[in-house]
């Protein structure tokens, strides 16, 4: 989104471009480079739920399948 359009009132960032605003890009397709971490998360939340969540003490995942696996684990009491 160009700077002129980003300052209009009616302009909405539907792609959530602010999430990669400070990212480094690599390769010919310029994918964002995600730096590795060795921390283990205590809690995960899906991206679709994180948009409206106000609890910031959890890690965001972008895979919808993880949500299904978590629900499956809860039904088996394997959490």
PDB file of N, CA and C in Angstrom:
ATOM      1  N   UNK A   1       0.861  -1.169   0.000  1.00  0.00           N
ATOM      2  CA  UNK A   1       0.000   0.000   0.000  1.00  0.00           C
ATOM      3  C   UNK A   1       0.906   1.230   0.000  1.00  0.00           C
ATOM      4  N   UNK A   2       0.625   2.147  -0.871  1.00  0.00           N
ATOM      5  CA  UNK A   2       1.459   3.338  -0.927  1.00  0.00           C
ATOM      6  C   UNK A   2       1.138   4.268   0.247  1.00  0.00           C
ATOM      7  N   UNK A   3       2.054   5.150   0.543  1.00  0.00           N
ATOM      8  CA  UNK A   3       1.914   6.042   1.703  1.00  0.00           C
ATOM      9  C   UNK A   3       0.696   6.944   1.561  1.00  0.00           C
ATOM     10  N   UNK A   4       0.425   7.411   0.358  1.00  0.00           N
ATOM     11  CA  UNK A   4      -0.725   8.300   0.149  1.00  0.00           C
ATOM     12  C   UNK A   4      -2.026   7.574   0.508  1.00  0.00           C
ATOM     13  N   UNK A   5      -2.173   6.330   0.040  1.00  0.00           N
ATOM     14  CA  UNK A   5      -3.390   5.574   0.335  1.00  0.00           C
ATOM     15  C   UNK A   5      -3.482   5.164   1.802  1.00  0.00           C
ATOM     16  N   UNK A   6      -2.349   4.937   2.454  1.00  0.00           N
ATOM     17  CA  UNK A   6      -2.392   4.494   3.841  1.00  0.00           C
ATOM     18  C   UNK A   6      -2.869   5.584   4.794  1.00  0.00           C
ATOM     19  N   UNK A   7      -2.875   6.825   4.351  1.00  0.00           N
ATOM     20  CA  UNK A   7      -3.300   7.922   5.215  1.00  0.00           C
ATOM     21  C   UNK A   7      -4.752   8.334   4.991  1.00  0.00           C
ATOM     22  N   UNK A   8      -5.434   7.676   4.057  1.00  0.00           N
ATOM     23  CA  UNK A   8      -6.849   7.969   3.847  1.00  0.00           C
ATOM     24  C   UNK A   8      -7.675   7.314   4.944  1.00  0.00           C
ATOM     25  N   UNK A   9      -8.770   7.958   5.340  1.00  0.00           N
ATOM     26  CA  UNK A   9      -9.627   7.417   6.392  1.00  0.00           C
ATOM     27  C   UNK A   9     -10.290   6.110   5.983  1.00  0.00           C
ATOM     28  N   UNK A  10     -10.681   6.006   4.738  1.00  0.00           N
ATOM     29  CA  UNK A  10     -11.433   4.841   4.296  1.00  0.00           C
ATOM     30  C   UNK A  10     -10.538   3.660   3.921  1.00  0.00           C
ATOM     31  N   UNK A  11      -9.231   3.827   3.987  1.00  0.00           N
ATOM     32  CA  UNK A  11      -8.305   2.775   3.597  1.00  0.00           C
ATOM     33  C   UNK A  11      -8.084   1.815   4.758  1.00  0.00           C
ATOM     34  N   UNK A  12      -8.310   0.527   4.513  1.00  0.00           N
ATOM     35  CA  UNK A  12      -8.151  -0.486   5.547  1.00  0.00           C
ATOM     36  C   UNK A  12      -7.119  -1.509   5.083  1.00  0.00           C
ATOM     37  N   UNK A  13      -6.221  -1.891   5.975  1.00  0.00           N
ATOM     38  CA  UNK A  13      -5.174  -2.862   5.670  1.00  0.00           C
ATOM     39  C   UNK A  13      -5.749  -4.269   5.805  1.00  0.00           C
ATOM     40  N   UNK A  14      -6.353  -4.772   4.737  1.00  0.00           N
ATOM     41  CA  UNK A  14      -7.002  -6.087   4.795  1.00  0.00           C
ATOM     42  C   UNK A  14      -5.990  -7.229   4.750  1.00  0.00           C
ATOM     43  N   UNK A  15      -4.753  -6.955   4.355  1.00  0.00           N
ATOM     44  CA  UNK A  15      -3.726  -7.987   4.286  1.00  0.00           C
ATOM     45  C   UNK A  15      -2.843  -8.002   5.535  1.00  0.00           C
ATOM     46  N   UNK A  16      -3.116  -7.118   6.492  1.00  0.00           N
ATOM     47  CA  UNK A  16      -2.336  -7.017   7.732  1.00  0.00           C
ATOM     48  C   UNK A  16      -0.849  -6.843   7.424  1.00  0.00           C
ATOM     49  N   UNK A  17      -0.557  -5.949   6.518  1.00  0.00           N
ATOM     50  CA  UNK A  17       0.818  -5.708   6.089  1.00  0.00           C
ATOM     51  C   UNK A  17       1.689  -5.179   7.211  1.00  0.00           C
ATOM     52  N   UNK A  18       1.107  -4.592   8.240  1.00  0.00           N
ATOM     53  CA  UNK A  18       1.888  -4.072   9.353  1.00  0.00           C
ATOM     54  C   UNK A  18       2.634  -5.174  10.101  1.00  0.00           C
ATOM     55  N   UNK A  19       2.201  -6.429   9.944  1.00  0.00           N
ATOM     56  CA  UNK A  19       2.867  -7.537  10.634  1.00  0.00           C
ATOM     57  C   UNK A  19       4.269  -7.796  10.095  1.00  0.00           C
ATOM     58  N   UNK A  20       4.517  -7.438   8.861  1.00  0.00           N
ATOM     59  CA  UNK A  20       5.842  -7.637   8.272  1.00  0.00           C
ATOM     60  C   UNK A  20       6.490  -6.303   7.912  1.00  0.00           C
ATOM     61  N   UNK A  21       6.078  -5.267   8.582  1.00  0.00           N
ATOM     62  CA  UNK A  21       6.556  -3.923   8.282  1.00  0.00           C
ATOM     63  C   UNK A  21       8.068  -3.795   8.475  1.00  0.00           C
ATOM     64  N   UNK A  22       8.619  -4.403   9.511  1.00  0.00           N
ATOM     65  CA  UNK A  22      10.040  -4.292   9.809  1.00  0.00           C
ATOM     66  C   UNK A  22      10.812  -5.560   9.442  1.00  0.00           C
ATOM     67  N   UNK A  23      10.231  -6.421   8.639  1.00  0.00           N
ATOM     68  CA  UNK A  23      10.847  -7.703   8.299  1.00  0.00           C
ATOM     69  C   UNK A  23      11.956  -7.530   7.268  1.00  0.00           C
ATOM     70  N   UNK A  24      12.834  -8.517   7.255  1.00  0.00           N
ATOM     71  CA  UNK A  24      13.851  -8.620   6.212  1.00  0.00           C
ATOM     72  C   UNK A  24      13.343  -9.601   5.173  1.00  0.00           C
ATOM     73  N   UNK A  25      13.656  -9.362   3.925  1.00  0.00           N
ATOM     74  CA  UNK A  25      13.151 -10.191   2.840  1.00  0.00           C
ATOM     75  C   UNK A  25      14.313 -10.828   2.097  1.00  0.00           C
ATOM     76  N   UNK A  26      14.098 -12.036   1.595  1.00  0.00           N
ATOM     77  CA  UNK A  26      15.166 -12.720   0.881  1.00  0.00           C
ATOM     78  C   UNK A  26      14.638 -13.539  -0.278  1.00  0.00           C
ATOM     79  N   UNK A  27      15.547 -13.914  -1.152  1.00  0.00           N
ATOM     80  CA  UNK A  27      15.191 -14.740  -2.297  1.00  0.00           C
ATOM     81  C   UNK A  27      14.598 -13.924  -3.425  1.00  0.00           C
ATOM     82  N   UNK A  28      14.372 -14.595  -4.529  1.00  0.00           N
ATOM     83  CA  UNK A  28      13.835 -13.877  -5.690  1.00  0.00           C
ATOM     84  C   UNK A  28      12.364 -13.513  -5.505  1.00  0.00           C
ATOM     85  N   UNK A  29      11.666 -14.228  -4.617  1.00  0.00           N
ATOM     86  CA  UNK A  29      10.253 -13.923  -4.366  1.00  0.00           C
ATOM     87  C   UNK A  29      10.054 -13.007  -3.168  1.00  0.00           C
ATOM     88  N   UNK A  30      11.143 -12.629  -2.511  1.00  0.00           N
ATOM     89  CA  UNK A  30      11.141 -11.702  -1.379  1.00  0.00           C
ATOM     90  C   UNK A  30      10.198 -12.135  -0.266  1.00  0.00           C
ATOM     91  N   UNK A  31      10.306 -13.391   0.145  1.00  0.00           N
ATOM     92  CA  UNK A  31       9.544 -13.861   1.294  1.00  0.00           C
ATOM     93  C   UNK A  31      10.133 -13.259   2.566  1.00  0.00           C
ATOM     94  N   UNK A  32       9.299 -12.957   3.560  1.00  0.00           N
ATOM     95  CA  UNK A  32       9.841 -12.445   4.828  1.00  0.00           C
ATOM     96  C   UNK A  32      10.714 -13.504   5.503  1.00  0.00           C
ATOM     97  N   UNK A  33      11.860 -13.086   6.015  1.00  0.00           N
ATOM     98  CA  UNK A  33      12.762 -13.985   6.730  1.00  0.00           C
ATOM     99  C   UNK A  33      12.373 -13.970   8.196  1.00  0.00           C
ATOM    100  N   UNK A  34      12.041 -15.133   8.718  1.00  0.00           N
ATOM    101  CA  UNK A  34      11.667 -15.249  10.130  1.00  0.00           C
ATOM    102  C   UNK A  34      12.882 -15.744  10.900  1.00  0.00           C
ATOM    103  N   UNK A  35      13.309 -14.967  11.869  1.00  0.00           N
ATOM    104  CA  UNK A  35      14.474 -15.335  12.661  1.00  0.00           C
ATOM    105  C   UNK A  35      14.131 -16.504  13.582  1.00  0.00           C
ATOM    106  N   UNK A  36      15.038 -17.463  13.732  1.00  0.00           N
ATOM    107  CA  UNK A  36      14.749 -18.615  14.601  1.00  0.00           C
ATOM    108  C   UNK A  36      14.744 -18.235  16.067  1.00  0.00           C
ATOM    109  N   UNK A  37      14.009 -18.981  16.843  1.00  0.00           N
ATOM    110  CA  UNK A  37      13.984 -18.811  18.282  1.00  0.00           C
ATOM    111  C   UNK A  37      14.041 -20.182  18.923  1.00  0.00           C
ATOM    112  N   UNK A  38      14.591 -20.252  20.097  1.00  0.00           N
ATOM    113  CA  UNK A  38      14.696 -21.527  20.800  1.00  0.00           C
ATOM    114  C   UNK A  38      13.834 -21.534  22.053  1.00  0.00           C
ATOM    115  N   UNK A  39      12.948 -20.569  22.162  1.00  0.00           N
ATOM    116  CA  UNK A  39      12.008 -20.504  23.283  1.00  0.00           C
ATOM    117  C   UNK A  39      10.863 -21.474  23.022  1.00  0.00           C
ATOM    118  N   UNK A  40      10.318 -22.020  24.073  1.00  0.00           N
ATOM    119  CA  UNK A  40       9.182 -22.923  23.962  1.00  0.00           C
ATOM    120  C   UNK A  40       7.934 -22.175  24.437  1.00  0.00           C
ATOM    121  N   UNK A  41       6.915 -22.072  23.582  1.00  0.00           N
ATOM    122  CA  UNK A  41       5.716 -21.323  23.984  1.00  0.00           C
ATOM    123  C   UNK A  41       4.897 -22.077  25.029  1.00  0.00           C
ATOM    124  N   UNK A  42       4.325 -21.321  25.944  1.00  0.00           N
ATOM    125  CA  UNK A  42       3.430 -21.914  26.938  1.00  0.00           C
ATOM    126  C   UNK A  42       2.021 -22.069  26.394  1.00  0.00           C
ATOM    127  N   UNK A  43       1.603 -21.093  25.572  1.00  0.00           N
ATOM    128  CA  UNK A  43       0.257 -21.120  25.001  1.00  0.00           C
ATOM    129  C   UNK A  43       0.311 -20.665  23.555  1.00  0.00           C
ATOM    130  N   UNK A  44      -0.576 -21.219  22.741  1.00  0.00           N
ATOM    131  CA  UNK A  44      -0.699 -20.845  21.338  1.00  0.00           C
ATOM    132  C   UNK A  44      -2.113 -20.370  21.052  1.00  0.00           C
ATOM    133  N   UNK A  45      -2.227 -19.475  20.103  1.00  0.00           N
ATOM    134  CA  UNK A  45      -3.538 -19.006  19.658  1.00  0.00           C
ATOM    135  C   UNK A  45      -3.483 -18.875  18.143  1.00  0.00           C
ATOM    136  N   UNK A  46      -4.559 -19.226  17.485  1.00  0.00           N
ATOM    137  CA  UNK A  46      -4.583 -19.113  16.020  1.00  0.00           C
ATOM    138  C   UNK A  46      -4.670 -17.647  15.609  1.00  0.00           C
ATOM    139  N   UNK A  47      -4.187 -17.359  14.424  1.00  0.00           N
ATOM    140  CA  UNK A  47      -4.172 -15.988  13.932  1.00  0.00           C
ATOM    141  C   UNK A  47      -5.578 -15.410  13.861  1.00  0.00           C
ATOM    142  N   UNK A  48      -6.544 -16.221  13.447  1.00  0.00           N
ATOM    143  CA  UNK A  48      -7.908 -15.719  13.312  1.00  0.00           C
ATOM    144  C   UNK A  48      -8.489 -15.302  14.661  1.00  0.00           C
ATOM    145  N   UNK A  49      -8.095 -15.958  15.747  1.00  0.00           N
ATOM    146  CA  UNK A  49      -8.562 -15.570  17.078  1.00  0.00           C
ATOM    147  C   UNK A  49      -7.716 -14.445  17.665  1.00  0.00           C
ATOM    148  N   UNK A  50      -6.459 -14.359  17.266  1.00  0.00           N
ATOM    149  CA  UNK A  50      -5.556 -13.349  17.817  1.00  0.00           C
ATOM    150  C   UNK A  50      -5.929 -11.942  17.390  1.00  0.00           C
ATOM    151  N   UNK A  51      -6.615 -11.821  16.273  1.00  0.00           N
ATOM    152  CA  UNK A  51      -6.994 -10.490  15.787  1.00  0.00           C
ATOM    153  C   UNK A  51      -7.878  -9.768  16.798  1.00  0.00           C
ATOM    154  N   UNK A  52      -8.778 -10.498  17.439  1.00  0.00           N
ATOM    155  CA  UNK A  52      -9.707  -9.858  18.377  1.00  0.00           C
ATOM    156  C   UNK A  52      -9.343 -10.114  19.831  1.00  0.00           C
ATOM    157  N   UNK A  53      -8.236 -10.763  20.104  1.00  0.00           N
ATOM    158  CA  UNK A  53      -7.850 -11.112  21.470  1.00  0.00           C
ATOM    159  C   UNK A  53      -7.070  -9.963  22.118  1.00  0.00           C
ATOM    160  N   UNK A  54      -7.239  -9.798  23.417  1.00  0.00           N
ATOM    161  CA  UNK A  54      -6.492  -8.765  24.138  1.00  0.00           C
ATOM    162  C   UNK A  54      -5.460  -9.365  25.081  1.00  0.00           C
ATOM    163  N   UNK A  55      -5.377 -10.691  25.149  1.00  0.00           N
ATOM    164  CA  UNK A  55      -4.370 -11.371  25.965  1.00  0.00           C
ATOM    165  C   UNK A  55      -3.128 -11.564  25.108  1.00  0.00           C
ATOM    166  N   UNK A  56      -2.071 -10.803  25.383  1.00  0.00           N
ATOM    167  CA  UNK A  56      -0.886 -10.814  24.549  1.00  0.00           C
ATOM    168  C   UNK A  56       0.190 -11.777  25.049  1.00  0.00           C
ATOM    169  N   UNK A  57      -0.101 -12.552  26.078  1.00  0.00           N
ATOM    170  CA  UNK A  57       0.878 -13.466  26.647  1.00  0.00           C
ATOM    171  C   UNK A  57       0.745 -14.859  26.029  1.00  0.00           C
ATOM    172  N   UNK A  58       0.696 -14.935  24.710  1.00  0.00           N
ATOM    173  CA  UNK A  58       0.616 -16.201  24.003  1.00  0.00           C
ATOM    174  C   UNK A  58       1.189 -16.036  22.604  1.00  0.00           C
ATOM    175  N   UNK A  59       1.620 -17.126  22.033  1.00  0.00           N
ATOM    176  CA  UNK A  59       2.236 -17.100  20.712  1.00  0.00           C
ATOM    177  C   UNK A  59       1.167 -17.315  19.654  1.00  0.00           C
ATOM    178  N   UNK A  60       1.337 -16.664  18.518  1.00  0.00           N
ATOM    179  CA  UNK A  60       0.372 -16.768  17.421  1.00  0.00           C
ATOM    180  C   UNK A  60       0.886 -17.768  16.391  1.00  0.00           C
ATOM    181  N   UNK A  61       0.031 -18.700  15.993  1.00  0.00           N
ATOM    182  CA  UNK A  61       0.382 -19.607  14.903  1.00  0.00           C
ATOM    183  C   UNK A  61      -0.538 -19.326  13.723  1.00  0.00           C
ATOM    184  N   UNK A  62      -0.060 -19.632  12.549  1.00  0.00           N
ATOM    185  CA  UNK A  62      -0.782 -19.316  11.327  1.00  0.00           C
ATOM    186  C   UNK A  62      -1.324 -20.554  10.637  1.00  0.00           C
ATOM    187  N   UNK A  63      -1.175 -21.723  11.259  1.00  0.00           N
ATOM    188  CA  UNK A  63      -1.640 -22.962  10.661  1.00  0.00           C
ATOM    189  C   UNK A  63      -2.983 -23.351  11.249  1.00  0.00           C
ATOM    190  N   UNK A  64      -3.982 -23.454  10.420  1.00  0.00           N
ATOM    191  CA  UNK A  64      -5.319 -23.814  10.887  1.00  0.00           C
ATOM    192  C   UNK A  64      -5.347 -25.242  11.412  1.00  0.00           C
ATOM    193  N   UNK A  65      -4.485 -26.112  10.889  1.00  0.00           N
ATOM    194  CA  UNK A  65      -4.461 -27.507  11.313  1.00  0.00           C
ATOM    195  C   UNK A  65      -4.097 -27.636  12.798  1.00  0.00           C
ATOM    196  N   UNK A  66      -3.263 -26.726  13.326  1.00  0.00           N
ATOM    197  CA  UNK A  66      -2.879 -26.786  14.733  1.00  0.00           C
ATOM    198  C   UNK A  66      -4.103 -26.613  15.622  1.00  0.00           C
ATOM    199  N   UNK A  67      -5.042 -25.789  15.204  1.00  0.00           N
ATOM    200  CA  UNK A  67      -6.269 -25.604  15.967  1.00  0.00           C
ATOM    201  C   UNK A  67      -7.037 -26.914  16.052  1.00  0.00           C
ATOM    202  N   UNK A  68      -7.124 -27.620  14.939  1.00  0.00           N
ATOM    203  CA  UNK A  68      -7.830 -28.902  14.943  1.00  0.00           C
ATOM    204  C   UNK A  68      -7.108 -29.927  15.809  1.00  0.00           C
ATOM    205  N   UNK A  69      -5.778 -29.945  15.764  1.00  0.00           N
ATOM    206  CA  UNK A  69      -5.017 -30.886  16.577  1.00  0.00           C
ATOM    207  C   UNK A  69      -5.178 -30.585  18.063  1.00  0.00           C
ATOM    208  N   UNK A  70      -5.220 -29.292  18.408  1.00  0.00           N
ATOM    209  CA  UNK A  70      -5.401 -28.908  19.801  1.00  0.00           C
ATOM    210  C   UNK A  70      -6.773 -29.370  20.300  1.00  0.00           C
ATOM    211  N   UNK A  71      -7.801 -29.155  19.492  1.00  0.00           N
ATOM    212  CA  UNK A  71      -9.146 -29.593  19.882  1.00  0.00           C
ATOM    213  C   UNK A  71      -9.206 -31.111  19.996  1.00  0.00           C
ATOM    214  N   UNK A  72      -8.527 -31.824  19.111  1.00  0.00           N
ATOM    215  CA  UNK A  72      -8.493 -33.282  19.168  1.00  0.00           C
ATOM    216  C   UNK A  72      -7.780 -33.749  20.433  1.00  0.00           C
ATOM    217  N   UNK A  73      -6.678 -33.072  20.793  1.00  0.00           N
ATOM    218  CA  UNK A  73      -5.944 -33.419  22.013  1.00  0.00           C
ATOM    219  C   UNK A  73      -6.748 -33.154  23.265  1.00  0.00           C
ATOM    220  N   UNK A  74      -7.556 -32.091  23.244  1.00  0.00           N
ATOM    221  CA  UNK A  74      -8.380 -31.785  24.417  1.00  0.00           C
ATOM    222  C   UNK A  74      -9.478 -32.824  24.616  1.00  0.00           C
ATOM    223  N   UNK A  75      -9.998 -33.374  23.524  1.00  0.00           N
ATOM    224  CA  UNK A  75     -11.025 -34.403  23.669  1.00  0.00           C
ATOM    225  C   UNK A  75     -10.445 -35.707  24.200  1.00  0.00           C
ATOM    226  N   UNK A  76      -9.155 -35.913  23.948  1.00  0.00           N
ATOM    227  CA  UNK A  76      -8.491 -37.115  24.458  1.00  0.00           C
ATOM    228  C   UNK A  76      -7.795 -36.883  25.791  1.00  0.00           C
ATOM    229  N   UNK A  77      -7.827 -35.641  26.300  1.00  0.00           N
ATOM    230  CA  UNK A  77      -7.095 -35.248  27.507  1.00  0.00           C
ATOM    231  C   UNK A  77      -5.600 -35.479  27.363  1.00  0.00           C
ATOM    232  N   UNK A  78      -5.043 -35.087  26.244  1.00  0.00           N
ATOM    233  CA  UNK A  78      -3.627 -35.270  25.978  1.00  0.00           C
ATOM    234  C   UNK A  78      -2.934 -33.918  25.885  1.00  0.00           C
ATOM    235  N   UNK A  79      -3.350 -32.933  26.623  1.00  0.00           N
ATOM    236  CA  UNK A  79      -2.765 -31.613  26.509  1.00  0.00           C
ATOM    237  C   UNK A  79      -1.555 -31.455  27.375  1.00  0.00           C
TER     238      UNK A  79
END
